[in-house]
Amino acid sequence: LDRLQITENTNTEEDVAESASSIPDCKPDASAPILLCDAFYGFPIQKRPRNERVRAVSRQLTNFLQWRSEASLNKKNINHSHVYVLGKGKDCESVKARVDELGTQTKASTKEIMFQP
């Protein structure tokens, strides 16, 4: 895969419970969709392409979290989705560090994201 796709899971309650059982610390809630960032295919090894990929994924996550926080200000009782980043240890650590770095400029925080290396 050349690009990472972030999609919202709108499966049934049983599907959510099944997928949640394989992810630690996840409490299945049928009313809250799961947003899954799957990075298990790995990022490039070369320095420049790897940095570009980490920056792109981090920016997408940051943009989503910022949009979600702004949208929740305009609407009451908005359902927040659970956000997970799945991948290899170094890849998750790099994305987490970059989201933290971007979080100083925006309202995004890695506290809103579950990183599962």
C-alpha atoms as a PDB file:
ATOM      1  CA  LEU A   1       0.000   0.000   0.000  1.00  0.00           C
ATOM      2  CA  ASP A   2       1.321   3.415  -0.896  1.00  0.00           C
ATOM      3  CA  ARG A   3      -0.955   5.439   1.292  1.00  0.00           C
ATOM      4  CA  LEU A   4      -2.563   4.998   4.644  1.00  0.00           C
ATOM      5  CA  GLN A   5      -6.314   5.169   4.731  1.00  0.00           C
ATOM      6  CA  ILE A   6      -8.192   6.189   7.841  1.00  0.00           C
ATOM      7  CA  THR A   7     -11.736   4.887   7.786  1.00  0.00           C
ATOM      8  CA  GLU A   8     -14.603   4.953  10.221  1.00  0.00           C
ATOM      9  CA  ASN A   9     -15.930   1.559  11.249  1.00  0.00           C
ATOM     10  CA  THR A  10     -19.731   1.460  11.240  1.00  0.00           C
ATOM     11  CA  ASN A  11     -20.126  -2.274  11.846  1.00  0.00           C
ATOM     12  CA  THR A  12     -22.783  -3.925  13.970  1.00  0.00           C
ATOM     13  CA  GLU A  13     -22.504  -4.226  17.736  1.00  0.00           C
ATOM     14  CA  GLU A  14     -21.205  -7.822  17.435  1.00  0.00           C
ATOM     15  CA  ASP A  15     -18.479  -6.791  14.966  1.00  0.00           C
ATOM     16  CA  VAL A  16     -17.377  -3.958  17.264  1.00  0.00           C
ATOM     17  CA  ALA A  17     -17.264  -6.297  20.262  1.00  0.00           C
ATOM     18  CA  GLU A  18     -15.259  -8.881  18.278  1.00  0.00           C
ATOM     19  CA  SER A  19     -12.678  -6.386  17.056  1.00  0.00           C
ATOM     20  CA  ALA A  20     -12.491  -4.695  20.449  1.00  0.00           C
ATOM     21  CA  SER A  21     -11.684  -7.966  22.201  1.00  0.00           C
ATOM     22  CA  SER A  22      -8.371  -8.138  20.316  1.00  0.00           C
ATOM     23  CA  ILE A  23      -7.404  -4.574  21.316  1.00  0.00           C
ATOM     24  CA  PRO A  24      -6.486  -4.117  24.994  1.00  0.00           C
ATOM     25  CA  ASP A  25      -8.143  -1.339  27.005  1.00  0.00           C
ATOM     26  CA  CYS A  26     -11.057  -1.054  24.575  1.00  0.00           C
ATOM     27  CA  LYS A  27     -14.526  -0.931  26.017  1.00  0.00           C
ATOM     28  CA  PRO A  28     -16.962  -1.679  23.191  1.00  0.00           C
ATOM     29  CA  ASP A  29     -19.698   0.894  22.820  1.00  0.00           C
ATOM     30  CA  ALA A  30     -22.065   0.448  19.903  1.00  0.00           C
ATOM     31  CA  SER A  31     -22.909   4.153  19.889  1.00  0.00           C
ATOM     32  CA  ALA A  32     -19.261   5.214  19.387  1.00  0.00           C
ATOM     33  CA  PRO A  33     -17.640   4.262  16.094  1.00  0.00           C
ATOM     34  CA  ILE A  34     -14.032   3.064  15.952  1.00  0.00           C
ATOM     35  CA  LEU A  35     -11.526   4.938  13.819  1.00  0.00           C
ATOM     36  CA  LEU A  36      -8.637   2.623  12.960  1.00  0.00           C
ATOM     37  CA  CYS A  37      -5.304   3.737  11.542  1.00  0.00           C
ATOM     38  CA  ASP A  38      -3.615   0.527  10.373  1.00  0.00           C
ATOM     39  CA  ALA A  39       0.143   0.935   9.922  1.00  0.00           C
ATOM     40  CA  PHE A  40       1.142  -2.729  10.225  1.00  0.00           C
ATOM     41  CA  TYR A  41       2.453  -2.832   6.659  1.00  0.00           C
ATOM     42  CA  GLY A  42       5.233  -0.600   7.949  1.00  0.00           C
ATOM     43  CA  PHE A  43       6.753   2.693   6.934  1.00  0.00           C
ATOM     44  CA  PRO A  44       9.669   2.998   4.502  1.00  0.00           C
ATOM     45  CA  ILE A  45      13.161   2.393   5.880  1.00  0.00           C
ATOM     46  CA  GLN A  46      14.818   5.252   3.990  1.00  0.00           C
ATOM     47  CA  LYS A  47      15.015   8.399   6.098  1.00  0.00           C
ATOM     48  CA  ARG A  48      13.260  10.921   3.838  1.00  0.00           C
ATOM     49  CA  PRO A  49      10.305   8.740   2.694  1.00  0.00           C
ATOM     50  CA  ARG A  50       9.849   7.526   6.276  1.00  0.00           C
ATOM     51  CA  ASN A  51       9.745  11.080   7.653  1.00  0.00           C
ATOM     52  CA  GLU A  52       7.266  12.106   4.955  1.00  0.00           C
ATOM     53  CA  ARG A  53       4.984   9.166   5.810  1.00  0.00           C
ATOM     54  CA  VAL A  54       5.163   9.832   9.556  1.00  0.00           C
ATOM     55  CA  ARG A  55       4.373  13.519   8.989  1.00  0.00           C
ATOM     56  CA  ALA A  56       1.445  12.715   6.671  1.00  0.00           C
ATOM     57  CA  VAL A  57      -0.159  10.179   9.028  1.00  0.00           C
ATOM     58  CA  SER A  58       0.382  12.435  12.043  1.00  0.00           C
ATOM     59  CA  ARG A  59      -1.152  15.409  10.249  1.00  0.00           C
ATOM     60  CA  GLN A  60      -4.207  13.354   9.233  1.00  0.00           C
ATOM     61  CA  LEU A  61      -4.753  12.251  12.825  1.00  0.00           C
ATOM     62  CA  THR A  62      -4.202  15.776  14.148  1.00  0.00           C
ATOM     63  CA  ASN A  63      -6.609  17.254  11.595  1.00  0.00           C
ATOM     64  CA  PHE A  64      -9.265  14.701  12.530  1.00  0.00           C
ATOM     65  CA  LEU A  65      -8.893  15.371  16.264  1.00  0.00           C
ATOM     66  CA  GLN A  66      -8.996  19.114  15.717  1.00  0.00           C
ATOM     67  CA  TRP A  67     -12.108  18.824  13.523  1.00  0.00           C
ATOM     68  CA  ARG A  68     -13.765  16.572  16.094  1.00  0.00           C
ATOM     69  CA  SER A  69     -13.103  18.991  18.934  1.00  0.00           C
ATOM     70  CA  GLU A  70     -14.437  21.941  16.897  1.00  0.00           C
ATOM     71  CA  ALA A  71     -17.499  19.947  15.817  1.00  0.00           C
ATOM     72  CA  SER A  72     -18.259  18.966  19.400  1.00  0.00           C
ATOM     73  CA  LEU A  73     -18.336  22.654  20.380  1.00  0.00           C
ATOM     74  CA  ASN A  74     -21.100  23.277  17.848  1.00  0.00           C
ATOM     75  CA  LYS A  75     -23.159  20.191  18.679  1.00  0.00           C
ATOM     76  CA  LYS A  76     -24.290  18.838  21.996  1.00  0.00           C
ATOM     77  CA  ASN A  77     -24.315  15.108  22.715  1.00  0.00           C
ATOM     78  CA  ILE A  78     -21.946  14.288  19.864  1.00  0.00           C
ATOM     79  CA  ASN A  79     -20.701  10.690  19.819  1.00  0.00           C
ATOM     80  CA  HIS A  80     -16.924  10.576  19.966  1.00  0.00           C
ATOM     81  CA  SER A  81     -15.248   7.770  18.093  1.00  0.00           C
ATOM     82  CA  HIS A  82     -12.458   5.723  19.584  1.00  0.00           C
ATOM     83  CA  VAL A  83      -9.201   6.355  17.694  1.00  0.00           C
ATOM     84  CA  TYR A  84      -6.605   3.578  17.439  1.00  0.00           C
ATOM     85  CA  VAL A  85      -3.240   3.472  15.698  1.00  0.00           C
ATOM     86  CA  LEU A  86      -2.043  -0.072  15.084  1.00  0.00           C
ATOM     87  CA  GLY A  87       1.443  -0.808  13.844  1.00  0.00           C
ATOM     88  CA  LYS A  88       4.995  -1.787  14.562  1.00  0.00           C
ATOM     89  CA  GLY A  89       6.588  -0.335  17.692  1.00  0.00           C
ATOM     90  CA  LYS A  90       8.903   2.202  16.058  1.00  0.00           C
ATOM     91  CA  ASP A  91       6.230   3.347  13.621  1.00  0.00           C
ATOM     92  CA  CYS A  92       3.674   3.966  16.394  1.00  0.00           C
ATOM     93  CA  GLU A  93       6.273   5.730  18.525  1.00  0.00           C
ATOM     94  CA  SER A  94       7.220   8.023  15.630  1.00  0.00           C
ATOM     95  CA  VAL A  95       3.608   8.923  14.889  1.00  0.00           C
ATOM     96  CA  LYS A  96       2.884   9.493  18.589  1.00  0.00           C
ATOM     97  CA  ALA A  97       5.908  11.791  18.963  1.00  0.00           C
ATOM     98  CA  ARG A  98       4.889  13.789  15.881  1.00  0.00           C
ATOM     99  CA  VAL A  99       1.240  14.112  17.022  1.00  0.00           C
ATOM    100  CA  ASP A 100       2.551  15.364  20.390  1.00  0.00           C
ATOM    101  CA  GLU A 101       4.709  17.879  18.538  1.00  0.00           C
ATOM    102  CA  LEU A 102       1.762  19.050  16.429  1.00  0.00           C
ATOM    103  CA  GLY A 103      -0.451  19.087  19.520  1.00  0.00           C
ATOM    104  CA  THR A 104       1.407  22.098  20.843  1.00  0.00           C
ATOM    105  CA  GLN A 105       0.122  24.027  17.807  1.00  0.00           C
ATOM    106  CA  THR A 106      -3.402  22.593  17.775  1.00  0.00           C
ATOM    107  CA  LYS A 107      -5.970  21.182  20.191  1.00  0.00           C
ATOM    108  CA  ALA A 108      -4.970  17.599  19.359  1.00  0.00           C
ATOM    109  CA  SER A 109      -3.481  15.354  22.017  1.00  0.00           C
ATOM    110  CA  THR A 110      -2.146  11.821  22.005  1.00  0.00           C
ATOM    111  CA  LYS A 111      -4.314  11.237  25.077  1.00  0.00           C
ATOM    112  CA  GLU A 112      -7.234  10.928  22.634  1.00  0.00           C
ATOM    113  CA  ILE A 113      -5.476   8.209  20.615  1.00  0.00           C
ATOM    114  CA  MET A 114      -4.762   4.623  21.625  1.00  0.00           C
ATOM    115  CA  PHE A 115      -1.421   3.468  20.203  1.00  0.00           C
ATOM    116  CA  GLN A 116      -1.141  -0.333  19.945  1.00  0.00           C
ATOM    117  CA  PRO A 117       2.329  -1.441  18.845  1.00  0.00           C
END
